[in-house]
N, C-alpha and C. Protein backbone atom coordinates (compact mmCIF):
# COMPACT_ATOMS: atom_id res chain seq x y z
N MET A 1 14.43 -1.46 -9.11
CA MET A 1 13.22 -1.32 -8.32
C MET A 1 13.24 0.03 -7.62
N THR A 2 12.09 0.66 -7.52
CA THR A 2 11.98 1.93 -6.82
C THR A 2 11.19 1.74 -5.54
N TYR A 3 11.36 2.70 -4.64
CA TYR A 3 10.73 2.60 -3.32
C TYR A 3 10.04 3.91 -2.95
N LEU A 4 9.05 3.79 -2.08
CA LEU A 4 8.35 4.92 -1.49
C LEU A 4 8.75 4.98 -0.02
N ILE A 5 8.50 6.11 0.58
CA ILE A 5 8.74 6.24 2.02
C ILE A 5 7.42 6.63 2.68
N TRP A 6 6.97 5.81 3.61
CA TRP A 6 5.74 6.05 4.35
C TRP A 6 6.10 6.64 5.70
N SER A 7 5.44 7.73 6.06
CA SER A 7 5.66 8.36 7.34
C SER A 7 4.57 7.93 8.31
N ASN A 8 4.93 7.08 9.29
CA ASN A 8 3.98 6.72 10.34
C ASN A 8 3.66 7.94 11.20
N GLN A 9 4.62 8.85 11.29
CA GLN A 9 4.43 10.05 12.10
C GLN A 9 3.36 10.95 11.49
N HIS A 10 3.37 11.12 10.16
CA HIS A 10 2.44 12.02 9.49
C HIS A 10 1.27 11.29 8.83
N GLY A 11 1.36 9.96 8.70
CA GLY A 11 0.31 9.20 8.04
C GLY A 11 0.20 9.52 6.56
N MET A 12 1.35 9.83 5.93
CA MET A 12 1.36 10.18 4.51
C MET A 12 2.67 9.71 3.87
N TRP A 13 2.69 9.78 2.53
CA TRP A 13 3.88 9.44 1.76
C TRP A 13 4.80 10.64 1.66
N TRP A 14 6.11 10.40 1.59
CA TRP A 14 7.07 11.46 1.30
C TRP A 14 6.90 11.87 -0.15
N ARG A 15 6.98 13.15 -0.43
CA ARG A 15 6.95 13.67 -1.80
C ARG A 15 8.35 13.52 -2.43
N PRO A 16 8.46 13.74 -3.74
CA PRO A 16 9.78 13.69 -4.39
C PRO A 16 10.73 14.73 -3.78
N LEU A 17 12.01 14.40 -3.83
CA LEU A 17 13.07 15.30 -3.37
C LEU A 17 12.93 15.69 -1.90
N ARG A 18 12.27 14.85 -1.10
CA ARG A 18 12.10 15.10 0.34
C ARG A 18 11.29 16.37 0.63
N ARG A 19 10.43 16.77 -0.29
CA ARG A 19 9.72 18.05 -0.15
C ARG A 19 8.29 17.86 0.33
N GLY A 20 8.14 17.54 1.58
CA GLY A 20 6.82 17.45 2.17
C GLY A 20 6.19 16.08 2.06
N TYR A 21 4.89 16.04 2.29
CA TYR A 21 4.15 14.79 2.36
C TYR A 21 2.89 14.89 1.51
N THR A 22 2.37 13.72 1.13
CA THR A 22 1.13 13.69 0.36
C THR A 22 0.34 12.44 0.74
N SER A 23 -0.97 12.54 0.69
CA SER A 23 -1.80 11.36 0.94
C SER A 23 -2.10 10.63 -0.37
N HIS A 24 -1.66 11.20 -1.50
CA HIS A 24 -1.92 10.61 -2.81
C HIS A 24 -0.71 9.80 -3.28
N LEU A 25 -0.92 8.53 -3.49
CA LEU A 25 0.16 7.64 -3.90
C LEU A 25 0.83 8.12 -5.19
N ALA A 26 0.05 8.63 -6.14
CA ALA A 26 0.60 9.08 -7.42
C ALA A 26 1.57 10.25 -7.24
N GLU A 27 1.44 11.01 -6.16
CA GLU A 27 2.30 12.16 -5.91
C GLU A 27 3.50 11.83 -5.03
N ALA A 28 3.60 10.58 -4.59
CA ALA A 28 4.69 10.17 -3.71
C ALA A 28 6.00 10.12 -4.49
N GLY A 29 7.09 10.42 -3.80
CA GLY A 29 8.41 10.35 -4.42
C GLY A 29 8.84 8.91 -4.63
N ARG A 30 9.59 8.71 -5.70
CA ARG A 30 10.17 7.39 -6.00
C ARG A 30 11.66 7.50 -5.73
N TYR A 31 12.19 6.55 -4.96
CA TYR A 31 13.58 6.60 -4.55
C TYR A 31 14.26 5.27 -4.82
N THR A 32 15.58 5.30 -5.06
CA THR A 32 16.33 4.05 -5.15
C THR A 32 16.43 3.48 -3.75
N ALA A 33 16.86 2.22 -3.66
CA ALA A 33 17.01 1.59 -2.34
C ALA A 33 18.00 2.38 -1.47
N ASP A 34 19.12 2.80 -2.08
CA ASP A 34 20.12 3.56 -1.31
C ASP A 34 19.58 4.90 -0.85
N GLU A 35 18.88 5.63 -1.75
CA GLU A 35 18.30 6.93 -1.38
C GLU A 35 17.30 6.76 -0.25
N ALA A 36 16.40 5.78 -0.40
CA ALA A 36 15.37 5.56 0.63
C ALA A 36 16.00 5.21 1.96
N ALA A 37 17.01 4.35 1.94
CA ALA A 37 17.68 3.95 3.19
C ALA A 37 18.33 5.16 3.85
N ARG A 38 18.99 6.03 3.06
CA ARG A 38 19.62 7.24 3.63
C ARG A 38 18.57 8.17 4.23
N ILE A 39 17.47 8.36 3.51
CA ILE A 39 16.42 9.26 3.99
C ILE A 39 15.83 8.76 5.30
N VAL A 40 15.48 7.47 5.34
CA VAL A 40 14.89 6.90 6.55
C VAL A 40 15.90 6.93 7.69
N ASP A 41 17.16 6.63 7.39
CA ASP A 41 18.19 6.68 8.43
C ASP A 41 18.33 8.09 8.99
N ASP A 42 18.36 9.09 8.09
CA ASP A 42 18.45 10.49 8.53
C ASP A 42 17.21 10.91 9.32
N ALA A 43 16.03 10.57 8.80
CA ALA A 43 14.77 11.00 9.42
C ALA A 43 14.51 10.35 10.78
N THR A 44 15.07 9.16 10.98
CA THR A 44 14.83 8.46 12.24
C THR A 44 16.07 8.46 13.14
N CYS A 45 17.06 9.28 12.76
CA CYS A 45 18.32 9.32 13.53
C CYS A 45 18.89 7.92 13.72
N GLY A 46 19.00 7.22 12.59
CA GLY A 46 19.56 5.86 12.64
C GLY A 46 18.64 4.86 13.33
N GLY A 47 17.34 5.08 13.25
CA GLY A 47 16.38 4.17 13.86
C GLY A 47 16.03 4.51 15.30
N GLU A 48 16.50 5.66 15.77
CA GLU A 48 16.24 6.07 17.15
C GLU A 48 14.87 6.72 17.34
N LEU A 49 14.34 7.37 16.32
CA LEU A 49 13.05 8.05 16.45
C LEU A 49 11.92 7.06 16.17
N THR A 50 11.25 6.69 17.21
CA THR A 50 10.15 5.74 17.11
C THR A 50 8.99 6.22 17.97
N HIS A 51 7.84 5.61 17.74
CA HIS A 51 6.68 5.83 18.60
C HIS A 51 6.51 4.58 19.44
N GLU A 52 6.26 4.76 20.70
CA GLU A 52 5.99 3.60 21.54
C GLU A 52 4.51 3.27 21.44
N ARG A 53 4.22 2.05 21.14
CA ARG A 53 2.84 1.57 21.05
C ARG A 53 2.63 0.52 22.14
N VAL A 54 1.39 0.35 22.56
CA VAL A 54 1.07 -0.63 23.59
C VAL A 54 0.03 -1.60 23.03
N ASN A 55 0.33 -2.87 23.10
CA ASN A 55 -0.63 -3.89 22.72
C ASN A 55 -1.66 -3.96 23.84
N GLN A 56 -2.90 -3.60 23.53
CA GLN A 56 -3.93 -3.50 24.55
C GLN A 56 -4.34 -4.86 25.13
N LEU A 57 -4.09 -5.94 24.41
CA LEU A 57 -4.44 -7.27 24.92
C LEU A 57 -3.39 -7.80 25.89
N THR A 58 -2.09 -7.61 25.52
CA THR A 58 -1.02 -8.18 26.34
C THR A 58 -0.38 -7.16 27.27
N GLY A 59 -0.56 -5.87 26.97
CA GLY A 59 0.09 -4.83 27.75
C GLY A 59 1.54 -4.60 27.36
N GLU A 60 2.05 -5.40 26.41
CA GLU A 60 3.44 -5.25 25.99
C GLU A 60 3.59 -4.00 25.14
N THR A 61 4.74 -3.35 25.30
CA THR A 61 5.02 -2.18 24.48
C THR A 61 5.95 -2.57 23.34
N TYR A 62 5.86 -1.86 22.26
CA TYR A 62 6.77 -2.08 21.13
C TYR A 62 7.02 -0.74 20.46
N GLN A 63 8.10 -0.67 19.70
CA GLN A 63 8.50 0.56 19.04
C GLN A 63 8.14 0.48 17.56
N GLU A 64 7.62 1.57 17.02
CA GLU A 64 7.30 1.66 15.60
C GLU A 64 8.12 2.80 15.02
N LEU A 65 8.88 2.52 13.96
CA LEU A 65 9.68 3.57 13.32
C LEU A 65 8.79 4.67 12.78
N ASP A 66 9.27 5.91 12.84
CA ASP A 66 8.51 7.04 12.30
C ASP A 66 8.38 6.93 10.79
N GLU A 67 9.41 6.46 10.10
CA GLU A 67 9.43 6.39 8.64
C GLU A 67 9.82 4.97 8.22
N VAL A 68 9.18 4.46 7.17
CA VAL A 68 9.50 3.11 6.68
C VAL A 68 9.56 3.11 5.16
N ILE A 69 10.34 2.15 4.62
CA ILE A 69 10.50 2.00 3.18
C ILE A 69 9.51 0.96 2.67
N VAL A 70 8.83 1.29 1.56
CA VAL A 70 7.83 0.40 0.96
C VAL A 70 8.14 0.26 -0.53
N PRO A 71 8.13 -0.97 -1.11
CA PRO A 71 8.35 -1.09 -2.56
C PRO A 71 7.28 -0.30 -3.32
N ALA A 72 7.72 0.46 -4.31
CA ALA A 72 6.77 1.26 -5.10
C ALA A 72 5.90 0.35 -5.95
N PRO A 73 4.59 0.57 -5.94
CA PRO A 73 3.69 -0.29 -6.71
C PRO A 73 3.90 -0.16 -8.21
N ASP A 74 4.50 0.95 -8.68
CA ASP A 74 4.70 1.10 -10.11
C ASP A 74 6.07 0.64 -10.56
N SER A 75 6.84 0.04 -9.65
CA SER A 75 8.10 -0.56 -10.08
C SER A 75 7.75 -1.88 -10.76
N PRO A 76 8.63 -2.42 -11.60
CA PRO A 76 8.30 -3.64 -12.35
C PRO A 76 7.80 -4.79 -11.48
N ALA A 77 8.31 -4.90 -10.27
CA ALA A 77 7.89 -5.99 -9.39
C ALA A 77 6.78 -5.57 -8.43
N GLY A 78 6.26 -4.37 -8.59
CA GLY A 78 5.26 -3.85 -7.67
C GLY A 78 3.90 -4.49 -7.87
N PRO A 79 3.03 -4.40 -6.89
CA PRO A 79 1.70 -4.99 -6.98
C PRO A 79 0.78 -4.21 -7.91
N GLU A 80 -0.28 -4.85 -8.36
CA GLU A 80 -1.28 -4.20 -9.20
C GLU A 80 -2.28 -3.41 -8.36
N THR A 81 -2.39 -3.79 -7.11
CA THR A 81 -3.36 -3.18 -6.20
C THR A 81 -2.71 -3.02 -4.83
N ILE A 82 -3.06 -1.95 -4.14
CA ILE A 82 -2.66 -1.86 -2.74
C ILE A 82 -3.93 -1.83 -1.90
N TYR A 83 -3.79 -2.18 -0.66
CA TYR A 83 -4.90 -2.22 0.28
C TYR A 83 -4.54 -1.29 1.43
N ILE A 84 -5.44 -0.38 1.74
CA ILE A 84 -5.18 0.62 2.76
C ILE A 84 -6.04 0.33 3.99
N THR A 85 -5.38 0.19 5.14
CA THR A 85 -6.10 0.08 6.40
C THR A 85 -6.16 1.47 7.01
N MET A 86 -7.36 1.97 7.20
CA MET A 86 -7.57 3.29 7.79
C MET A 86 -8.01 3.11 9.24
N ILE A 87 -7.46 3.93 10.09
CA ILE A 87 -7.81 3.88 11.51
C ILE A 87 -8.30 5.26 11.92
N ASN A 88 -9.50 5.29 12.46
CA ASN A 88 -10.08 6.54 12.94
C ASN A 88 -10.35 6.38 14.44
N ASP A 89 -9.51 7.00 15.23
CA ASP A 89 -9.61 6.90 16.69
C ASP A 89 -9.90 8.30 17.23
N ARG A 90 -10.93 8.41 18.05
CA ARG A 90 -11.31 9.75 18.55
C ARG A 90 -10.23 10.37 19.42
N HIS A 91 -9.24 9.58 19.87
CA HIS A 91 -8.19 10.11 20.73
C HIS A 91 -6.90 10.43 19.98
N ALA A 92 -6.90 10.28 18.65
CA ALA A 92 -5.67 10.50 17.89
C ALA A 92 -6.02 10.93 16.47
N GLU A 93 -5.00 11.36 15.74
CA GLU A 93 -5.18 11.71 14.34
C GLU A 93 -5.47 10.44 13.54
N PRO A 94 -6.26 10.54 12.46
CA PRO A 94 -6.49 9.37 11.61
C PRO A 94 -5.16 8.86 11.03
N GLU A 95 -5.08 7.55 10.85
CA GLU A 95 -3.86 6.94 10.33
C GLU A 95 -4.23 6.04 9.15
N ALA A 96 -3.28 5.86 8.22
CA ALA A 96 -3.47 4.99 7.07
C ALA A 96 -2.22 4.14 6.91
N TYR A 97 -2.42 2.85 6.65
CA TYR A 97 -1.31 1.93 6.48
C TYR A 97 -1.49 1.16 5.18
N PRO A 98 -0.49 1.19 4.30
CA PRO A 98 -0.60 0.48 3.02
C PRO A 98 -0.11 -0.97 3.13
N PHE A 99 -0.78 -1.87 2.43
CA PHE A 99 -0.39 -3.27 2.37
C PHE A 99 -0.49 -3.76 0.94
N THR A 100 0.24 -4.81 0.61
CA THR A 100 0.17 -5.35 -0.75
C THR A 100 -0.81 -6.49 -0.87
N THR A 101 -1.36 -6.97 0.24
CA THR A 101 -2.39 -8.01 0.18
C THR A 101 -3.57 -7.63 1.07
N ALA A 102 -4.76 -8.04 0.64
CA ALA A 102 -5.96 -7.77 1.43
C ALA A 102 -5.88 -8.48 2.77
N GLU A 103 -5.34 -9.69 2.77
CA GLU A 103 -5.25 -10.48 4.01
C GLU A 103 -4.45 -9.73 5.07
N CYS A 104 -3.31 -9.17 4.69
CA CYS A 104 -2.49 -8.42 5.66
C CYS A 104 -3.22 -7.18 6.16
N ALA A 105 -3.86 -6.47 5.24
CA ALA A 105 -4.57 -5.25 5.62
C ALA A 105 -5.71 -5.54 6.60
N ILE A 106 -6.48 -6.58 6.31
CA ILE A 106 -7.61 -6.94 7.18
C ILE A 106 -7.11 -7.47 8.53
N THR A 107 -6.06 -8.28 8.50
CA THR A 107 -5.48 -8.78 9.75
C THR A 107 -5.02 -7.62 10.63
N TYR A 108 -4.37 -6.63 10.03
CA TYR A 108 -3.91 -5.46 10.78
C TYR A 108 -5.11 -4.71 11.36
N ALA A 109 -6.16 -4.53 10.57
CA ALA A 109 -7.36 -3.82 11.04
C ALA A 109 -7.98 -4.55 12.22
N LYS A 110 -8.12 -5.87 12.11
CA LYS A 110 -8.72 -6.65 13.20
C LYS A 110 -7.84 -6.61 14.45
N ARG A 111 -6.52 -6.68 14.25
CA ARG A 111 -5.61 -6.62 15.40
C ARG A 111 -5.71 -5.27 16.09
N HIS A 112 -5.77 -4.20 15.30
CA HIS A 112 -5.89 -2.87 15.90
C HIS A 112 -7.18 -2.76 16.72
N ALA A 113 -8.29 -3.22 16.16
CA ALA A 113 -9.56 -3.17 16.89
C ALA A 113 -9.47 -3.96 18.19
N ALA A 114 -8.88 -5.15 18.12
CA ALA A 114 -8.77 -6.00 19.32
C ALA A 114 -7.88 -5.35 20.37
N GLU A 115 -6.80 -4.68 19.93
CA GLU A 115 -5.88 -4.05 20.88
C GLU A 115 -6.48 -2.81 21.53
N HIS A 116 -7.41 -2.14 20.85
CA HIS A 116 -7.91 -0.86 21.35
C HIS A 116 -9.33 -0.89 21.91
N ALA A 117 -10.02 -1.99 21.73
CA ALA A 117 -11.37 -2.10 22.28
C ALA A 117 -11.29 -2.21 23.80
N HIS A 118 -12.23 -1.59 24.49
CA HIS A 118 -12.26 -1.71 25.96
C HIS A 118 -12.57 -3.14 26.36
N ASP A 119 -13.34 -3.81 25.54
CA ASP A 119 -13.75 -5.19 25.80
C ASP A 119 -13.90 -5.87 24.43
N PRO A 120 -13.41 -7.11 24.27
CA PRO A 120 -13.55 -7.78 22.97
C PRO A 120 -14.98 -7.81 22.45
N GLY A 121 -15.94 -7.79 23.34
CA GLY A 121 -17.35 -7.78 22.94
C GLY A 121 -17.79 -6.45 22.34
N ASP A 122 -16.94 -5.42 22.48
CA ASP A 122 -17.27 -4.10 21.94
C ASP A 122 -17.06 -3.99 20.44
N ILE A 123 -16.36 -4.96 19.84
CA ILE A 123 -16.05 -4.87 18.41
C ILE A 123 -17.28 -5.26 17.59
N ARG A 124 -17.69 -4.37 16.70
CA ARG A 124 -18.85 -4.61 15.84
C ARG A 124 -18.42 -4.51 14.38
N GLU A 125 -18.43 -5.63 13.69
CA GLU A 125 -18.12 -5.62 12.26
C GLU A 125 -19.37 -5.23 11.49
N ARG A 126 -19.19 -4.38 10.50
CA ARG A 126 -20.34 -3.90 9.74
C ARG A 126 -19.93 -3.79 8.26
N PRO A 127 -20.53 -4.61 7.38
CA PRO A 127 -20.17 -4.51 5.97
C PRO A 127 -20.66 -3.19 5.37
N ILE A 128 -19.82 -2.60 4.54
CA ILE A 128 -20.17 -1.37 3.83
C ILE A 128 -19.78 -1.60 2.36
N PRO A 129 -20.70 -1.36 1.42
CA PRO A 129 -20.38 -1.57 0.01
C PRO A 129 -19.13 -0.79 -0.41
N GLY A 130 -18.24 -1.48 -1.12
CA GLY A 130 -17.01 -0.86 -1.60
C GLY A 130 -15.84 -0.98 -0.64
N TRP A 131 -16.08 -1.41 0.58
CA TRP A 131 -15.01 -1.59 1.55
C TRP A 131 -14.82 -3.08 1.78
N LEU A 132 -13.58 -3.52 1.93
CA LEU A 132 -13.30 -4.93 2.16
C LEU A 132 -13.59 -5.33 3.60
N TYR A 133 -13.46 -4.38 4.50
CA TYR A 133 -13.68 -4.67 5.92
C TYR A 133 -14.01 -3.36 6.63
N HIS A 134 -14.90 -3.43 7.62
CA HIS A 134 -15.22 -2.27 8.44
C HIS A 134 -15.66 -2.76 9.81
N ALA A 135 -15.17 -2.12 10.84
CA ALA A 135 -15.60 -2.43 12.20
C ALA A 135 -15.43 -1.19 13.06
N TRP A 136 -16.23 -1.10 14.08
CA TRP A 136 -16.02 -0.07 15.08
C TRP A 136 -15.88 -0.75 16.42
N TYR A 137 -15.21 -0.07 17.34
CA TYR A 137 -14.93 -0.65 18.65
C TYR A 137 -15.05 0.43 19.70
N SER A 138 -15.50 0.05 20.87
CA SER A 138 -15.67 0.94 22.02
C SER A 138 -16.74 2.00 21.80
N SER A 139 -16.68 2.73 20.68
CA SER A 139 -17.75 3.66 20.31
C SER A 139 -17.72 3.79 18.80
N GLU A 140 -18.77 4.33 18.21
CA GLU A 140 -18.79 4.47 16.76
C GLU A 140 -17.77 5.49 16.26
N ASP A 141 -17.17 6.25 17.18
CA ASP A 141 -16.13 7.20 16.78
C ASP A 141 -14.77 6.52 16.62
N ASP A 142 -14.64 5.28 17.05
CA ASP A 142 -13.39 4.52 16.91
C ASP A 142 -13.65 3.41 15.90
N SER A 143 -13.04 3.53 14.72
CA SER A 143 -13.32 2.53 13.69
C SER A 143 -12.09 2.22 12.85
N VAL A 144 -12.13 1.07 12.20
CA VAL A 144 -11.10 0.66 11.25
C VAL A 144 -11.80 0.20 9.99
N TRP A 145 -11.15 0.41 8.86
CA TRP A 145 -11.70 -0.11 7.62
C TRP A 145 -10.57 -0.35 6.62
N VAL A 146 -10.85 -1.19 5.65
CA VAL A 146 -9.87 -1.52 4.61
C VAL A 146 -10.51 -1.25 3.26
N VAL A 147 -9.77 -0.56 2.41
CA VAL A 147 -10.22 -0.29 1.05
C VAL A 147 -9.16 -0.77 0.07
N GLU A 148 -9.61 -1.12 -1.13
CA GLU A 148 -8.73 -1.57 -2.20
C GLU A 148 -8.51 -0.43 -3.17
N LYS A 149 -7.27 -0.20 -3.56
CA LYS A 149 -6.94 0.87 -4.50
C LYS A 149 -6.13 0.27 -5.66
N PRO A 150 -6.69 0.27 -6.88
CA PRO A 150 -5.90 -0.24 -8.00
C PRO A 150 -4.77 0.72 -8.33
N ILE A 151 -3.67 0.17 -8.82
CA ILE A 151 -2.51 0.97 -9.20
C ILE A 151 -2.63 1.26 -10.69
N THR A 152 -2.56 2.52 -11.04
CA THR A 152 -2.57 2.92 -12.45
C THR A 152 -1.12 3.14 -12.87
N ARG A 153 -0.70 2.36 -13.84
CA ARG A 153 0.67 2.47 -14.32
C ARG A 153 0.74 3.42 -15.49
N LYS A 154 1.74 4.29 -15.48
CA LYS A 154 1.93 5.21 -16.59
C LYS A 154 2.58 4.46 -17.74
N LYS A 155 2.10 4.70 -18.95
CA LYS A 155 2.71 4.09 -20.13
C LYS A 155 3.86 4.97 -20.57
N VAL A 156 4.98 4.32 -20.87
CA VAL A 156 6.15 5.07 -21.30
C VAL A 156 6.40 4.90 -22.78
């Protein structure tokens, strides 16, 4: 099985040979489990480099690793489709999170909106053709959405 490395810090995939980042899944590096574990361990100083996040509903803080290991969708056991939750917040850089199920991606999007809305009544869900989920919260400049991306497998 091969693995990808997702950078929460950069909102992109690691390229092959640790050479930069890409937003295109097809250009992401494929690593063995040992390689990916070493890279993430090195990049996070053994899990020390994290971002502190605050749950807006409970006020609790939690740590999110800068880099995480994700099973590669083109490995034999990989999914046929990935689901991307995109977050556009006027106070931060846009972020993208990959999931292997639509349910997880939508749940994450709804949780993010609930945590960041000034008031739960501020969340407005709005269907958009081609998107599995879309909502804005607090203002139309703060939004979350989920899209489905099929995985194209290379024939060998």
